[in-house]
């Protein structure tokens, strides 16, 4: 560990003190008739392109069960987030039907990209959530029709329950499994996934509590980690499984202060001196009761301890989504300024590790 830190310090000392730049990707002023954009998701396509997905809330800024016209829109970048394509709507149902809460899993083996969202027909079945995805086989340029996997990843008795796929991102494990999280506010959190690259889906009927919106990652030793929003506590919960989600151990993490909001976490893997290393990188609002002070921190010991946080944006902020860029930097897509803007920024590992 000592040699590792010495080598890291060498690179860090050569890091310039550059201020982060924010690039607005989605705001109501960019498209006539849109009330607001919310719920960011960021992913890197197999060819290195970035995909930023989001709710396009037309009628109002209300969540899924309150708004009859929500689309899913994306923008793409071919240069690590320097420039972006025009806004492209990829899910658009007739008025009265809405789609919300995008999240993405990239299958690095097949090259397919799965974009999940939650669907509701507010005219015929208001308050009933359906679970969909679309997919792309050309790095996000074009997208398939929608697939309804509600029956595969939930129970019939959950039909009227408040359930939803967590926005942001899922994960592909080292064995090729696709895994994601589904929240049922009346039952608890469960993991769903696919062992055959999205041909069929399943869920693990083992409620994880306490947990609201959550992110799942795989640690270097194969352990699954879920990092969870828990409402009203002022900090987050962490759940660990060493048997692919059959059983979990749960504990609060008071080092991860949180005002009951969605967050993002990723496992950044690299090699140094021929040895494989990993850093956990976490983004959220470092505040116990206010949606402000979007910050990032890291862990060198699989979340046992965490670094001091670095503030990305001190003002009003909310949901965020992290991903590793093609150039090795970290991309961050987040909501800011009372949900009026959704911006992209990026930073290097050297910047993050710099004390």
Protein backbone atom coordinates (compact mmCIF):
# COMPACT_ATOMS: atom_id res chain seq x y z
CA UNK A 1 0.00 0.00 0.00
CA UNK A 2 2.89 2.38 0.78
CA UNK A 3 4.44 1.96 -2.68
CA UNK A 4 1.01 2.35 -4.23
CA UNK A 5 0.45 5.69 -2.49
CA UNK A 6 3.95 6.92 -3.40
CA UNK A 7 3.33 6.21 -7.07
CA UNK A 8 -0.08 7.86 -6.92
CA UNK A 9 1.49 10.91 -5.29
CA UNK A 10 3.99 11.18 -8.15
CA UNK A 11 1.21 11.48 -10.68
CA UNK A 12 -0.89 13.74 -8.49
CA UNK A 13 1.93 16.28 -8.13
CA UNK A 14 1.84 16.70 -11.90
CA UNK A 15 -1.88 17.42 -11.95
CA UNK A 16 -2.90 20.96 -12.85
CA UNK A 17 -5.30 22.80 -10.59
CA UNK A 18 -8.00 23.15 -13.22
CA UNK A 19 -11.47 24.30 -12.29
CA UNK A 20 -14.26 21.98 -13.35
CA UNK A 21 -16.33 23.08 -16.31
CA UNK A 22 -20.08 22.49 -16.52
CA UNK A 23 -21.80 21.90 -19.84
CA UNK A 24 -25.57 22.23 -19.90
CA UNK A 25 -27.07 19.25 -21.73
CA UNK A 26 -30.77 19.54 -20.94
CA UNK A 27 -32.85 22.50 -19.79
CA UNK A 28 -36.31 23.74 -20.69
CA UNK A 29 -34.89 26.57 -22.76
CA UNK A 30 -33.39 24.15 -25.27
CA UNK A 31 -36.71 22.84 -26.57
CA UNK A 32 -40.03 24.62 -26.95
CA UNK A 33 -42.93 23.15 -25.01
CA UNK A 34 -40.87 21.22 -22.46
CA UNK A 35 -41.53 22.05 -18.80
CA UNK A 36 -38.31 20.55 -17.48
CA UNK A 37 -35.79 17.73 -17.75
CA UNK A 38 -35.11 15.44 -14.80
CA UNK A 39 -33.50 12.14 -13.73
CA UNK A 40 -30.08 11.85 -15.42
CA UNK A 41 -28.37 8.63 -16.51
CA UNK A 42 -24.90 8.43 -18.05
CA UNK A 43 -23.15 5.51 -19.76
CA UNK A 44 -20.27 4.75 -22.10
CA UNK A 45 -21.14 2.80 -25.23
CA UNK A 46 -18.90 -0.06 -26.41
CA UNK A 47 -17.20 2.24 -28.94
CA UNK A 48 -16.46 4.88 -26.29
CA UNK A 49 -19.32 7.24 -27.11
CA UNK A 50 -21.16 8.75 -24.15
CA UNK A 51 -24.92 8.50 -23.80
CA UNK A 52 -26.74 10.92 -21.50
CA UNK A 53 -30.39 9.93 -20.96
CA UNK A 54 -33.09 11.84 -19.10
CA UNK A 55 -36.82 12.42 -18.57
CA UNK A 56 -38.25 14.99 -20.98
CA UNK A 57 -41.20 16.25 -18.95
CA UNK A 58 -43.53 18.07 -21.32
CA UNK A 59 -46.81 18.78 -19.55
CA UNK A 60 -45.35 19.54 -16.11
CA UNK A 61 -42.32 18.80 -13.97
CA UNK A 62 -44.27 16.22 -11.96
CA UNK A 63 -43.11 12.64 -11.49
CA UNK A 64 -44.48 9.70 -13.48
CA UNK A 65 -47.82 9.27 -11.75
CA UNK A 66 -48.57 13.00 -11.94
CA UNK A 67 -47.67 13.83 -15.55
CA UNK A 68 -49.38 12.54 -18.69
CA UNK A 69 -46.55 13.38 -21.08
CA UNK A 70 -43.01 12.31 -20.16
CA UNK A 71 -40.60 11.11 -22.83
CA UNK A 72 -37.09 9.67 -22.59
CA UNK A 73 -34.49 11.74 -24.41
CA UNK A 74 -30.76 11.30 -25.01
CA UNK A 75 -27.72 13.16 -26.25
CA UNK A 76 -24.49 11.48 -27.38
CA UNK A 77 -20.85 12.55 -27.34
CA UNK A 78 -17.99 11.14 -29.40
CA UNK A 79 -15.21 13.11 -27.68
CA UNK A 80 -15.46 12.36 -23.95
CA UNK A 81 -18.13 14.99 -23.37
CA UNK A 82 -16.58 17.98 -25.14
CA UNK A 83 -19.37 18.21 -27.71
CA UNK A 84 -22.80 16.62 -27.86
CA UNK A 85 -25.40 15.66 -30.44
CA UNK A 86 -28.79 17.29 -30.67
CA UNK A 87 -31.54 16.09 -28.33
CA UNK A 88 -33.01 12.80 -29.56
CA UNK A 89 -36.28 11.45 -28.15
CA UNK A 90 -36.06 7.66 -27.95
CA UNK A 91 -39.26 6.85 -26.01
CA UNK A 92 -42.42 8.80 -26.82
CA UNK A 93 -45.88 7.39 -26.08
CA UNK A 94 -49.21 9.09 -26.95
CA UNK A 95 -50.49 11.72 -24.55
CA UNK A 96 -51.76 10.08 -21.39
CA UNK A 97 -48.93 7.55 -21.33
CA UNK A 98 -45.59 8.42 -19.75
CA UNK A 99 -42.09 6.96 -19.40
CA UNK A 100 -39.70 7.95 -16.63
CA UNK A 101 -36.53 7.22 -14.67
CA UNK A 102 -34.01 6.11 -17.32
CA UNK A 103 -31.18 3.78 -16.40
CA UNK A 104 -28.60 2.01 -18.52
CA UNK A 105 -26.65 -1.24 -18.61
CA UNK A 106 -24.02 -1.77 -21.30
CA UNK A 107 -23.30 -5.40 -22.20
CA UNK A 108 -19.59 -5.36 -23.00
CA UNK A 109 -19.74 -8.89 -24.41
CA UNK A 110 -22.52 -8.44 -26.98
CA UNK A 111 -22.19 -4.68 -27.45
CA UNK A 112 -25.88 -4.13 -26.71
CA UNK A 113 -27.08 -1.20 -24.62
CA UNK A 114 -30.18 -1.63 -22.45
CA UNK A 115 -32.07 1.53 -21.50
CA UNK A 116 -34.65 0.82 -18.79
CA UNK A 117 -37.54 3.04 -17.75
CA UNK A 118 -40.84 2.90 -15.86
CA UNK A 119 -44.10 3.23 -17.77
CA UNK A 120 -47.61 4.28 -16.77
CA UNK A 121 -50.87 4.71 -18.68
CA UNK A 122 -52.45 7.51 -16.67
CA UNK A 123 -55.72 7.33 -18.60
CA UNK A 124 -56.39 3.62 -18.16
CA UNK A 125 -54.33 2.48 -15.16
CA UNK A 126 -53.17 5.43 -13.14
CA UNK A 127 -50.83 4.42 -10.29
CA UNK A 128 -49.93 1.10 -12.00
CA UNK A 129 -46.24 0.84 -12.87
CA UNK A 130 -44.91 -1.23 -15.76
CA UNK A 131 -41.22 -1.98 -16.27
CA UNK A 132 -39.78 -1.55 -19.75
CA UNK A 133 -36.54 -1.32 -21.67
CA UNK A 134 -35.37 -0.49 -25.16
CA UNK A 135 -32.02 -1.51 -26.58
CA UNK A 136 -29.43 -0.34 -29.08
CA UNK A 137 -26.98 -2.43 -31.09
CA UNK A 138 -25.19 0.53 -32.72
CA UNK A 139 -23.79 2.45 -29.74
CA UNK A 140 -26.94 4.45 -29.13
CA UNK A 141 -27.58 5.78 -32.63
CA UNK A 142 -30.86 3.91 -33.04
CA UNK A 143 -33.13 2.12 -30.59
CA UNK A 144 -35.51 -0.82 -30.66
CA UNK A 145 -39.19 -0.99 -29.85
CA UNK A 146 -39.97 -1.29 -26.15
CA UNK A 147 -39.96 -4.58 -24.24
CA UNK A 148 -42.25 -5.04 -21.22
CA UNK A 149 -40.51 -7.19 -18.58
CA UNK A 150 -42.91 -6.48 -15.72
CA UNK A 151 -44.04 -10.09 -15.44
CA UNK A 152 -40.45 -11.36 -15.45
CA UNK A 153 -39.09 -9.14 -12.68
CA UNK A 154 -42.05 -8.70 -10.33
CA UNK A 155 -44.92 -10.68 -8.82
CA UNK A 156 -48.59 -10.58 -9.92
CA UNK A 157 -49.58 -9.48 -6.43
CA UNK A 158 -47.35 -6.43 -6.87
CA UNK A 159 -49.54 -5.15 -9.71
CA UNK A 160 -50.85 -2.15 -7.79
CA UNK A 161 -47.73 -1.58 -5.70
CA UNK A 162 -45.55 1.51 -6.00
CA UNK A 163 -42.61 -0.15 -7.77
CA UNK A 164 -39.94 1.16 -10.09
CA UNK A 165 -36.55 0.40 -11.60
CA UNK A 166 -33.96 2.69 -10.04
CA UNK A 167 -32.74 5.44 -12.36
CA UNK A 168 -29.08 5.85 -13.29
CA UNK A 169 -27.25 2.63 -13.98
CA UNK A 170 -27.08 -1.10 -13.42
CA UNK A 171 -23.99 -3.28 -13.80
CA UNK A 172 -22.50 -6.13 -15.78
CA UNK A 173 -20.48 -8.43 -13.52
CA UNK A 174 -17.16 -10.05 -14.37
CA UNK A 175 -19.05 -13.26 -15.18
CA UNK A 176 -21.27 -11.46 -17.69
CA UNK A 177 -24.44 -11.21 -15.60
CA UNK A 178 -26.56 -8.09 -16.03
CA UNK A 179 -27.83 -6.86 -12.65
CA UNK A 180 -30.03 -3.96 -11.58
CA UNK A 181 -32.27 -2.88 -8.70
CA UNK A 182 -36.05 -2.64 -8.40
CA UNK A 183 -37.72 -0.73 -5.58
CA UNK A 184 -41.09 -1.81 -4.18
CA UNK A 185 -42.01 0.69 -1.50
CA UNK A 186 -44.37 -1.80 0.14
CA UNK A 187 -42.04 -4.79 -0.01
CA UNK A 188 -38.42 -3.63 -0.18
CA UNK A 189 -35.61 -3.55 -2.69
CA UNK A 190 -34.85 -6.55 -4.90
CA UNK A 191 -32.20 -7.36 -7.48
CA UNK A 192 -33.20 -8.34 -10.99
CA UNK A 193 -31.03 -9.42 -13.86
CA UNK A 194 -30.24 -11.60 -16.84
CA UNK A 195 -27.80 -14.48 -17.26
CA UNK A 196 -28.23 -14.65 -21.05
CA UNK A 197 -27.50 -11.10 -22.19
CA UNK A 198 -31.06 -9.86 -21.95
CA UNK A 199 -32.86 -12.70 -23.71
CA UNK A 200 -34.80 -13.36 -20.50
CA UNK A 201 -34.93 -11.64 -17.13
CA UNK A 202 -35.48 -12.76 -13.55
CA UNK A 203 -35.62 -11.27 -10.09
CA UNK A 204 -34.29 -12.54 -6.78
CA UNK A 205 -37.21 -12.74 -4.37
CA UNK A 206 -35.32 -11.54 -1.32
CA UNK A 207 -36.37 -8.14 0.01
CA UNK A 208 -33.45 -5.90 0.98
CA UNK A 209 -34.22 -3.33 3.69
CA UNK A 210 -33.89 -0.50 4.39
CA UNK A 211 -33.52 0.75 0.85
CA UNK A 212 -35.11 3.15 -1.60
CA UNK A 213 -33.34 4.19 -4.83
CA UNK A 214 -30.16 2.12 -4.93
CA UNK A 215 -27.09 1.33 -7.02
CA UNK A 216 -25.47 -2.08 -7.41
CA UNK A 217 -21.80 -2.69 -8.23
CA UNK A 218 -19.37 -5.61 -8.13
CA UNK A 219 -16.26 -5.34 -5.96
CA UNK A 220 -12.88 -6.70 -7.03
CA UNK A 221 -13.39 -9.96 -5.13
CA UNK A 222 -16.79 -10.61 -6.72
CA UNK A 223 -18.85 -9.36 -3.78
CA UNK A 224 -21.97 -7.45 -4.78
CA UNK A 225 -22.51 -4.09 -3.10
CA UNK A 226 -25.73 -2.10 -3.04
CA UNK A 227 -25.55 1.52 -1.93
CA UNK A 228 -29.00 2.75 -0.88
CA UNK A 229 -30.95 5.87 -0.24
CA UNK A 230 -32.87 5.57 3.03
CA UNK A 231 -35.40 8.29 3.72
CA UNK A 232 -35.20 10.39 6.86
CA UNK A 233 -31.93 9.12 8.38
CA UNK A 234 -29.38 11.60 7.05
CA UNK A 235 -27.01 8.89 5.81
CA UNK A 236 -26.94 5.88 3.48
CA UNK A 237 -27.10 2.11 3.90
CA UNK A 238 -24.77 -0.45 2.33
CA UNK A 239 -25.76 -4.06 1.58
CA UNK A 240 -23.24 -6.80 0.69
CA UNK A 241 -23.68 -10.25 -0.84
CA UNK A 242 -21.08 -12.94 -1.58
CA UNK A 243 -23.57 -15.38 -3.13
CA UNK A 244 -24.85 -13.37 -6.12
CA UNK A 245 -27.67 -11.77 -4.19
CA UNK A 246 -29.26 -14.75 -2.48
CA UNK A 247 -28.43 -13.33 0.96
CA UNK A 248 -27.34 -9.89 2.12
CA UNK A 249 -25.72 -8.26 5.12
CA UNK A 250 -26.81 -4.68 5.73
CA UNK A 251 -25.28 -1.82 7.67
CA UNK A 252 -25.60 1.95 7.91
CA UNK A 253 -22.68 4.04 6.67
CA UNK A 254 -22.61 7.30 8.61
CA UNK A 255 -19.61 8.44 6.54
CA UNK A 256 -21.96 8.78 3.57
CA UNK A 257 -24.08 11.72 4.69
CA UNK A 258 -27.19 12.02 2.55
CA UNK A 259 -30.46 14.04 2.53
CA UNK A 260 -32.59 11.17 1.15
CA UNK A 261 -31.71 11.44 -2.52
CA UNK A 262 -30.50 9.27 -5.36
CA UNK A 263 -26.73 8.92 -5.75
CA UNK A 264 -24.17 7.11 -7.90
CA UNK A 265 -21.25 4.76 -7.26
CA UNK A 266 -18.78 2.97 -9.51
CA UNK A 267 -15.80 0.67 -9.21
CA UNK A 268 -12.86 2.15 -11.11
CA UNK A 269 -10.40 -0.60 -12.02
CA UNK A 270 -6.82 -0.14 -13.24
CA UNK A 271 -3.36 -1.68 -13.06
CA UNK A 272 -0.27 -0.31 -11.33
CA UNK A 273 3.07 -2.11 -11.17
CA UNK A 274 1.34 -5.04 -12.85
CA UNK A 275 -1.14 -5.38 -10.01
CA UNK A 276 -4.88 -4.91 -10.39
CA UNK A 277 -6.32 -2.15 -8.21
CA UNK A 278 -9.73 -0.61 -7.75
CA UNK A 279 -11.15 2.61 -6.36
CA UNK A 280 -14.77 3.10 -5.41
CA UNK A 281 -16.02 6.52 -6.50
CA UNK A 282 -19.21 7.92 -5.01
CA UNK A 283 -21.26 11.02 -5.87
CA UNK A 284 -24.14 12.45 -3.85
CA UNK A 285 -25.38 15.48 -1.95
CA UNK A 286 -23.26 15.83 1.18
CA UNK A 287 -25.96 17.29 3.39
CA UNK A 288 -28.19 15.69 5.99
CA UNK A 289 -31.36 17.54 5.09
CA UNK A 290 -30.94 19.73 2.01
CA UNK A 291 -30.55 18.93 -1.67
CA UNK A 292 -27.34 20.85 -2.15
CA UNK A 293 -23.55 20.43 -2.17
CA UNK A 294 -23.04 17.77 -4.82
CA UNK A 295 -19.77 16.08 -3.89
CA UNK A 296 -17.55 13.14 -4.78
CA UNK A 297 -15.36 10.96 -2.60
CA UNK A 298 -13.41 7.74 -2.98
CA UNK A 299 -12.52 4.57 -1.11
CA UNK A 300 -9.36 2.48 -1.50
CA UNK A 301 -10.65 -0.35 0.71
CA UNK A 302 -13.99 -1.35 -0.84
CA UNK A 303 -15.98 1.15 1.20
CA UNK A 304 -14.60 0.36 4.66
CA UNK A 305 -13.39 3.96 4.84
CA UNK A 306 -13.96 7.00 2.66
CA UNK A 307 -11.89 10.03 1.73
CA UNK A 308 -12.87 13.59 2.49
CA UNK A 309 -15.38 14.81 -0.04
CA UNK A 310 -14.67 17.19 -2.91
CA UNK A 311 -17.43 19.61 -3.78
CA UNK A 312 -18.50 19.58 -7.41
CA UNK A 313 -21.28 22.14 -6.99
CA UNK A 314 -22.15 23.82 -3.69
CA UNK A 315 -25.57 25.09 -4.72
CA UNK A 316 -28.90 23.37 -5.25
CA UNK A 317 -28.49 19.94 -6.84
CA UNK A 318 -30.11 16.50 -6.84
CA UNK A 319 -29.65 13.22 -8.76
CA UNK A 320 -26.29 12.32 -10.32
CA UNK A 321 -24.82 9.60 -12.53
CA UNK A 322 -21.15 8.61 -12.89
CA UNK A 323 -19.29 6.70 -15.59
CA UNK A 324 -15.72 6.07 -16.71
CA UNK A 325 -14.85 7.88 -19.94
CA UNK A 326 -12.87 6.47 -22.84
CA UNK A 327 -9.85 8.59 -21.84
CA UNK A 328 -9.88 7.24 -18.28
CA UNK A 329 -11.44 10.31 -16.68
CA UNK A 330 -14.70 10.21 -14.75
CA UNK A 331 -17.86 11.73 -16.22
CA UNK A 332 -20.60 13.13 -13.99
CA UNK A 333 -24.08 14.09 -15.18
CA UNK A 334 -26.27 15.80 -12.58
CA UNK A 335 -29.28 17.97 -11.81
CA UNK A 336 -28.61 21.50 -10.57
CA UNK A 337 -30.32 24.74 -9.62
CA UNK A 338 -33.69 23.46 -8.42
CA UNK A 339 -34.10 21.04 -11.35
CA UNK A 340 -33.77 23.79 -13.96
CA UNK A 341 -30.55 22.48 -15.50
CA UNK A 342 -28.79 19.16 -16.12
CA UNK A 343 -25.08 19.44 -16.68
CA UNK A 344 -22.08 17.31 -17.54
CA UNK A 345 -18.63 17.65 -16.07
CA UNK A 346 -15.59 15.41 -15.83
CA UNK A 347 -12.49 15.03 -13.70
CA UNK A 348 -9.38 12.90 -13.61
CA UNK A 349 -8.46 10.32 -11.00
CA UNK A 350 -5.46 12.51 -10.17
CA UNK A 351 -7.79 15.42 -9.40
CA UNK A 352 -9.96 13.21 -7.20
CA UNK A 353 -7.01 11.84 -5.23
CA UNK A 354 -5.36 15.22 -4.77
CA UNK A 355 -5.65 16.22 -1.10
